[in-house]
Amino acid sequence: MHIGRQIEKILNEKRYSAVWLAKQINCDRRNIYDIFKRECIDTELLKRISIALQHDFFKDLSEDTF
């Protein structure tokens, strides 16, 4: 699973913008576009994104693995 694409997909499904997510996780909008390109991500950052989007990305990763 490409985690960055999954984050972008969920963000779009929920109709939030990159600017909105950046504000939620306290980072710059440009960093959000960088996250979309990542195949892997720091767990603390993924936790913050999961909380902001109210989506369990850890479950997605686990299901993809097993």
PDB file of N, CA and C in Angstrom:
ATOM      1  N   MET A   1       0.839  -1.179   0.000  1.00  0.00           N
ATOM      2  CA  MET A   1       0.000   0.000   0.000  1.00  0.00           C
ATOM      3  C   MET A   1       0.887   1.248   0.000  1.00  0.00           C
ATOM      4  N   HIS A   2       0.553   2.178  -0.810  1.00  0.00           N
ATOM      5  CA  HIS A   2       1.216   3.479  -0.849  1.00  0.00           C
ATOM      6  C   HIS A   2       0.455   4.388   0.112  1.00  0.00           C
ATOM      7  N   ILE A   3       1.001   4.586   1.304  1.00  0.00           N
ATOM      8  CA  ILE A   3       0.275   5.286   2.362  1.00  0.00           C
ATOM      9  C   ILE A   3      -0.066   6.729   1.989  1.00  0.00           C
ATOM     10  N   GLY A   4       0.813   7.390   1.273  1.00  0.00           N
ATOM     11  CA  GLY A   4       0.539   8.768   0.869  1.00  0.00           C
ATOM     12  C   GLY A   4      -0.678   8.885  -0.027  1.00  0.00           C
ATOM     13  N   ARG A   5      -0.791   7.962  -0.966  1.00  0.00           N
ATOM     14  CA  ARG A   5      -1.963   7.964  -1.856  1.00  0.00           C
ATOM     15  C   ARG A   5      -3.231   7.640  -1.089  1.00  0.00           C
ATOM     16  N   GLN A   6      -3.114   6.750  -0.091  1.00  0.00           N
ATOM     17  CA  GLN A   6      -4.280   6.400   0.730  1.00  0.00           C
ATOM     18  C   GLN A   6      -4.747   7.609   1.540  1.00  0.00           C
ATOM     19  N   ILE A   7      -3.807   8.350   2.098  1.00  0.00           N
ATOM     20  CA  ILE A   7      -4.157   9.561   2.849  1.00  0.00           C
ATOM     21  C   ILE A   7      -4.845  10.561   1.928  1.00  0.00           C
ATOM     22  N   GLU A   8      -4.288  10.759   0.753  1.00  0.00           N
ATOM     23  CA  GLU A   8      -4.878  11.697  -0.207  1.00  0.00           C
ATOM     24  C   GLU A   8      -6.286  11.245  -0.606  1.00  0.00           C
ATOM     25  N   LYS A   9      -6.457   9.950  -0.806  1.00  0.00           N
ATOM     26  CA  LYS A   9      -7.768   9.406  -1.189  1.00  0.00           C
ATOM     27  C   LYS A   9      -8.812   9.688  -0.103  1.00  0.00           C
ATOM     28  N   ILE A  10      -8.457   9.401   1.146  1.00  0.00           N
ATOM     29  CA  ILE A  10      -9.403   9.618   2.246  1.00  0.00           C
ATOM     30  C   ILE A  10      -9.683  11.110   2.419  1.00  0.00           C
ATOM     31  N   LEU A  11      -8.660  11.925   2.298  1.00  0.00           N
ATOM     32  CA  LEU A  11      -8.828  13.382   2.394  1.00  0.00           C
ATOM     33  C   LEU A  11      -9.835  13.862   1.350  1.00  0.00           C
ATOM     34  N   ASN A  12      -9.701  13.379   0.123  1.00  0.00           N
ATOM     35  CA  ASN A  12     -10.619  13.770  -0.960  1.00  0.00           C
ATOM     36  C   ASN A  12     -12.023  13.224  -0.733  1.00  0.00           C
ATOM     37  N   GLU A  13     -12.120  11.991  -0.242  1.00  0.00           N
ATOM     38  CA  GLU A  13     -13.436  11.404   0.024  1.00  0.00           C
ATOM     39  C   GLU A  13     -14.195  12.212   1.073  1.00  0.00           C
ATOM     40  N   LYS A  14     -13.468  12.721   2.040  1.00  0.00           N
ATOM     41  CA  LYS A  14     -14.091  13.513   3.101  1.00  0.00           C
ATOM     42  C   LYS A  14     -14.250  14.980   2.700  1.00  0.00           C
ATOM     43  N   ARG A  15     -13.780  15.300   1.503  1.00  0.00           N
ATOM     44  CA  ARG A  15     -13.902  16.641   0.933  1.00  0.00           C
ATOM     45  C   ARG A  15     -13.208  17.727   1.763  1.00  0.00           C
ATOM     46  N   TYR A  16     -12.050  17.336   2.310  1.00  0.00           N
ATOM     47  CA  TYR A  16     -11.205  18.295   3.008  1.00  0.00           C
ATOM     48  C   TYR A  16     -10.072  18.704   2.081  1.00  0.00           C
ATOM     49  N   SER A  17      -9.507  19.852   2.343  1.00  0.00           N
ATOM     50  CA  SER A  17      -8.394  20.334   1.528  1.00  0.00           C
ATOM     51  C   SER A  17      -7.064  20.048   2.220  1.00  0.00           C
ATOM     52  N   ALA A  18      -6.006  20.157   1.448  1.00  0.00           N
ATOM     53  CA  ALA A  18      -4.662  20.013   2.005  1.00  0.00           C
ATOM     54  C   ALA A  18      -4.400  21.107   3.034  1.00  0.00           C
ATOM     55  N   VAL A  19      -4.919  22.281   2.807  1.00  0.00           N
ATOM     56  CA  VAL A  19      -4.765  23.389   3.754  1.00  0.00           C
ATOM     57  C   VAL A  19      -5.435  23.033   5.077  1.00  0.00           C
ATOM     58  N   TRP A  20      -6.625  22.462   5.008  1.00  0.00           N
ATOM     59  CA  TRP A  20      -7.333  22.054   6.220  1.00  0.00           C
ATOM     60  C   TRP A  20      -6.509  21.040   7.006  1.00  0.00           C
ATOM     61  N   LEU A  21      -6.002  20.012   6.314  1.00  0.00           N
ATOM     62  CA  LEU A  21      -5.218  18.979   6.993  1.00  0.00           C
ATOM     63  C   LEU A  21      -3.945  19.561   7.594  1.00  0.00           C
ATOM     64  N   ALA A  22      -3.306  20.454   6.875  1.00  0.00           N
ATOM     65  CA  ALA A  22      -2.091  21.092   7.386  1.00  0.00           C
ATOM     66  C   ALA A  22      -2.375  21.816   8.705  1.00  0.00           C
ATOM     67  N   LYS A  23      -3.489  22.505   8.761  1.00  0.00           N
ATOM     68  CA  LYS A  23      -3.855  23.202  10.000  1.00  0.00           C
ATOM     69  C   LYS A  23      -4.133  22.209  11.127  1.00  0.00           C
ATOM     70  N   GLN A  24      -4.772  21.099  10.800  1.00  0.00           N
ATOM     71  CA  GLN A  24      -5.118  20.102  11.817  1.00  0.00           C
ATOM     72  C   GLN A  24      -3.887  19.455  12.441  1.00  0.00           C
ATOM     73  N   ILE A  25      -2.865  19.223  11.625  1.00  0.00           N
ATOM     74  CA  ILE A  25      -1.672  18.541  12.145  1.00  0.00           C
ATOM     75  C   ILE A  25      -0.513  19.506  12.363  1.00  0.00           C
ATOM     76  N   ASN A  26      -0.811  20.796  12.246  1.00  0.00           N
ATOM     77  CA  ASN A  26       0.161  21.845  12.544  1.00  0.00           C
ATOM     78  C   ASN A  26       1.428  21.760  11.685  1.00  0.00           C
ATOM     79  N   CYS A  27       1.229  21.799  10.383  1.00  0.00           N
ATOM     80  CA  CYS A  27       2.368  21.831   9.470  1.00  0.00           C
ATOM     81  C   CYS A  27       2.022  22.704   8.265  1.00  0.00           C
ATOM     82  N   ASP A  28       2.963  22.889   7.400  1.00  0.00           N
ATOM     83  CA  ASP A  28       2.787  23.705   6.200  1.00  0.00           C
ATOM     84  C   ASP A  28       2.055  22.910   5.118  1.00  0.00           C
ATOM     85  N   ARG A  29       1.260  23.600   4.345  1.00  0.00           N
ATOM     86  CA  ARG A  29       0.501  22.969   3.251  1.00  0.00           C
ATOM     87  C   ARG A  29       1.418  22.188   2.308  1.00  0.00           C
ATOM     88  N   ARG A  30       2.603  22.717   2.040  1.00  0.00           N
ATOM     89  CA  ARG A  30       3.534  22.033   1.126  1.00  0.00           C
ATOM     90  C   ARG A  30       3.941  20.666   1.665  1.00  0.00           C
ATOM     91  N   ASN A  31       3.992  20.545   2.977  1.00  0.00           N
ATOM     92  CA  ASN A  31       4.334  19.247   3.578  1.00  0.00           C
ATOM     93  C   ASN A  31       3.256  18.205   3.306  1.00  0.00           C
ATOM     94  N   ILE A  32       2.024  18.642   3.233  1.00  0.00           N
ATOM     95  CA  ILE A  32       0.930  17.713   2.952  1.00  0.00           C
ATOM     96  C   ILE A  32       1.106  17.104   1.563  1.00  0.00           C
ATOM     97  N   TYR A  33       1.466  17.918   0.592  1.00  0.00           N
ATOM     98  CA  TYR A  33       1.692  17.395  -0.754  1.00  0.00           C
ATOM     99  C   TYR A  33       2.884  16.455  -0.777  1.00  0.00           C
ATOM    100  N   ASP A  34       3.875  16.695   0.067  1.00  0.00           N
ATOM    101  CA  ASP A  34       5.016  15.792   0.201  1.00  0.00           C
ATOM    102  C   ASP A  34       4.566  14.459   0.812  1.00  0.00           C
ATOM    103  N   ILE A  35       3.678  14.518   1.784  1.00  0.00           N
ATOM    104  CA  ILE A  35       3.158  13.298   2.411  1.00  0.00           C
ATOM    105  C   ILE A  35       2.435  12.435   1.381  1.00  0.00           C
ATOM    106  N   PHE A  36       1.691  13.055   0.480  1.00  0.00           N
ATOM    107  CA  PHE A  36       0.976  12.308  -0.556  1.00  0.00           C
ATOM    108  C   PHE A  36       1.922  11.475  -1.419  1.00  0.00           C
ATOM    109  N   LYS A  37       3.171  11.872  -1.522  1.00  0.00           N
ATOM    110  CA  LYS A  37       4.159  11.170  -2.355  1.00  0.00           C
ATOM    111  C   LYS A  37       4.866  10.037  -1.619  1.00  0.00           C
ATOM    112  N   ARG A  38       4.694   9.955  -0.314  1.00  0.00           N
ATOM    113  CA  ARG A  38       5.439   8.992   0.500  1.00  0.00           C
ATOM    114  C   ARG A  38       4.845   7.589   0.463  1.00  0.00           C
ATOM    115  N   GLU A  39       5.750   6.621   0.353  1.00  0.00           N
ATOM    116  CA  GLU A  39       5.345   5.217   0.450  1.00  0.00           C
ATOM    117  C   GLU A  39       5.374   4.742   1.891  1.00  0.00           C
ATOM    118  N   CYS A  40       6.125   5.442   2.736  1.00  0.00           N
ATOM    119  CA  CYS A  40       6.168   5.118   4.161  1.00  0.00           C
ATOM    120  C   CYS A  40       6.109   6.426   4.947  1.00  0.00           C
ATOM    121  N   ILE A  41       5.745   6.303   6.238  1.00  0.00           N
ATOM    122  CA  ILE A  41       5.508   7.498   7.033  1.00  0.00           C
ATOM    123  C   ILE A  41       5.810   7.198   8.500  1.00  0.00           C
ATOM    124  N   ASP A  42       6.241   8.193   9.221  1.00  0.00           N
ATOM    125  CA  ASP A  42       6.485   8.101  10.647  1.00  0.00           C
ATOM    126  C   ASP A  42       5.174   7.784  11.369  1.00  0.00           C
ATOM    127  N   THR A  43       5.221   6.899  12.356  1.00  0.00           N
ATOM    128  CA  THR A  43       3.986   6.491  13.031  1.00  0.00           C
ATOM    129  C   THR A  43       3.316   7.624  13.796  1.00  0.00           C
ATOM    130  N   GLU A  44       4.090   8.513  14.391  1.00  0.00           N
ATOM    131  CA  GLU A  44       3.489   9.633  15.126  1.00  0.00           C
ATOM    132  C   GLU A  44       2.741  10.561  14.166  1.00  0.00           C
ATOM    133  N   LEU A  45       3.322  10.818  13.007  1.00  0.00           N
ATOM    134  CA  LEU A  45       2.654  11.643  11.998  1.00  0.00           C
ATOM    135  C   LEU A  45       1.396  10.946  11.499  1.00  0.00           C
ATOM    136  N   LEU A  46       1.485   9.643  11.265  1.00  0.00           N
ATOM    137  CA  LEU A  46       0.311   8.899  10.806  1.00  0.00           C
ATOM    138  C   LEU A  46      -0.789   8.909  11.862  1.00  0.00           C
ATOM    139  N   LYS A  47      -0.414   8.844  13.117  1.00  0.00           N
ATOM    140  CA  LYS A  47      -1.396   8.928  14.207  1.00  0.00           C
ATOM    141  C   LYS A  47      -2.120  10.268  14.167  1.00  0.00           C
ATOM    142  N   ARG A  48      -1.376  11.364  14.011  1.00  0.00           N
ATOM    143  CA  ARG A  48      -1.996  12.691  13.961  1.00  0.00           C
ATOM    144  C   ARG A  48      -2.934  12.821  12.771  1.00  0.00           C
ATOM    145  N   ILE A  49      -2.518  12.286  11.624  1.00  0.00           N
ATOM    146  CA  ILE A  49      -3.356  12.331  10.419  1.00  0.00           C
ATOM    147  C   ILE A  49      -4.608  11.480  10.624  1.00  0.00           C
ATOM    148  N   SER A  50      -4.441  10.308  11.228  1.00  0.00           N
ATOM    149  CA  SER A  50      -5.584   9.423  11.497  1.00  0.00           C
ATOM    150  C   SER A  50      -6.614  10.108  12.382  1.00  0.00           C
ATOM    151  N   ILE A  51      -6.146  10.793  13.406  1.00  0.00           N
ATOM    152  CA  ILE A  51      -7.057  11.502  14.310  1.00  0.00           C
ATOM    153  C   ILE A  51      -7.759  12.638  13.571  1.00  0.00           C
ATOM    154  N   ALA A  52      -7.004  13.403  12.806  1.00  0.00           N
ATOM    155  CA  ALA A  52      -7.586  14.540  12.082  1.00  0.00           C
ATOM    156  C   ALA A  52      -8.658  14.076  11.093  1.00  0.00           C
ATOM    157  N   LEU A  53      -8.373  13.003  10.380  1.00  0.00           N
ATOM    158  CA  LEU A  53      -9.308  12.518   9.362  1.00  0.00           C
ATOM    159  C   LEU A  53     -10.316  11.507   9.910  1.00  0.00           C
ATOM    160  N   GLN A  54     -10.162  11.155  11.174  1.00  0.00           N
ATOM    161  CA  GLN A  54     -11.027  10.153  11.797  1.00  0.00           C
ATOM    162  C   GLN A  54     -11.076   8.878  10.958  1.00  0.00           C
ATOM    163  N   HIS A  55      -9.864   8.419  10.609  1.00  0.00           N
ATOM    164  CA  HIS A  55      -9.720   7.211   9.794  1.00  0.00           C
ATOM    165  C   HIS A  55      -8.531   6.413  10.320  1.00  0.00           C
ATOM    166  N   ASP A  56      -8.692   5.108  10.469  1.00  0.00           N
ATOM    167  CA  ASP A  56      -7.638   4.247  11.010  1.00  0.00           C
ATOM    168  C   ASP A  56      -6.723   3.748   9.887  1.00  0.00           C
ATOM    169  N   PHE A  57      -5.692   4.521   9.596  1.00  0.00           N
ATOM    170  CA  PHE A  57      -4.734   4.128   8.565  1.00  0.00           C
ATOM    171  C   PHE A  57      -3.899   2.943   9.015  1.00  0.00           C
ATOM    172  N   PHE A  58      -3.733   2.768  10.315  1.00  0.00           N
ATOM    173  CA  PHE A  58      -2.998   1.622  10.833  1.00  0.00           C
ATOM    174  C   PHE A  58      -3.730   0.320  10.495  1.00  0.00           C
ATOM    175  N   LYS A  59      -5.034   0.348  10.581  1.00  0.00           N
ATOM    176  CA  LYS A  59      -5.843  -0.817  10.212  1.00  0.00           C
ATOM    177  C   LYS A  59      -5.692  -1.102   8.710  1.00  0.00           C
ATOM    178  N   ASP A  60      -5.722  -0.059   7.908  1.00  0.00           N
ATOM    179  CA  ASP A  60      -5.541  -0.223   6.459  1.00  0.00           C
ATOM    180  C   ASP A  60      -4.217  -0.902   6.160  1.00  0.00           C
ATOM    181  N   LEU A  61      -3.153  -0.446   6.813  1.00  0.00           N
ATOM    182  CA  LEU A  61      -1.821  -1.013   6.602  1.00  0.00           C
ATOM    183  C   LEU A  61      -1.776  -2.461   7.054  1.00  0.00           C
ATOM    184  N   SER A  62      -2.392  -2.737   8.199  1.00  0.00           N
ATOM    185  CA  SER A  62      -2.398  -4.101   8.730  1.00  0.00           C
ATOM    186  C   SER A  62      -3.144  -5.040   7.788  1.00  0.00           C
ATOM    187  N   GLU A  63      -4.291  -4.616   7.314  1.00  0.00           N
ATOM    188  CA  GLU A  63      -5.071  -5.452   6.399  1.00  0.00           C
ATOM    189  C   GLU A  63      -4.327  -5.693   5.101  1.00  0.00           C
ATOM    190  N   ASP A  64      -3.587  -4.689   4.643  1.00  0.00           N
ATOM    191  CA  ASP A  64      -2.812  -4.828   3.419  1.00  0.00           C
ATOM    192  C   ASP A  64      -1.655  -5.809   3.607  1.00  0.00           C
ATOM    193  N   THR A  65      -1.123  -5.858   4.829  1.00  0.00           N
ATOM    194  CA  THR A  65       0.021  -6.725   5.129  1.00  0.00           C
ATOM    195  C   THR A  65      -0.401  -8.185   5.272  1.00  0.00           C
ATOM    196  N   PHE A  66      -1.536  -8.383   5.948  1.00  0.00           N
ATOM    197  CA  PHE A  66      -1.956  -9.753   6.227  1.00  0.00           C
ATOM    198  C   PHE A  66      -3.126 -10.115   5.360  1.00  0.00           C
TER     199      PHE A  66
END
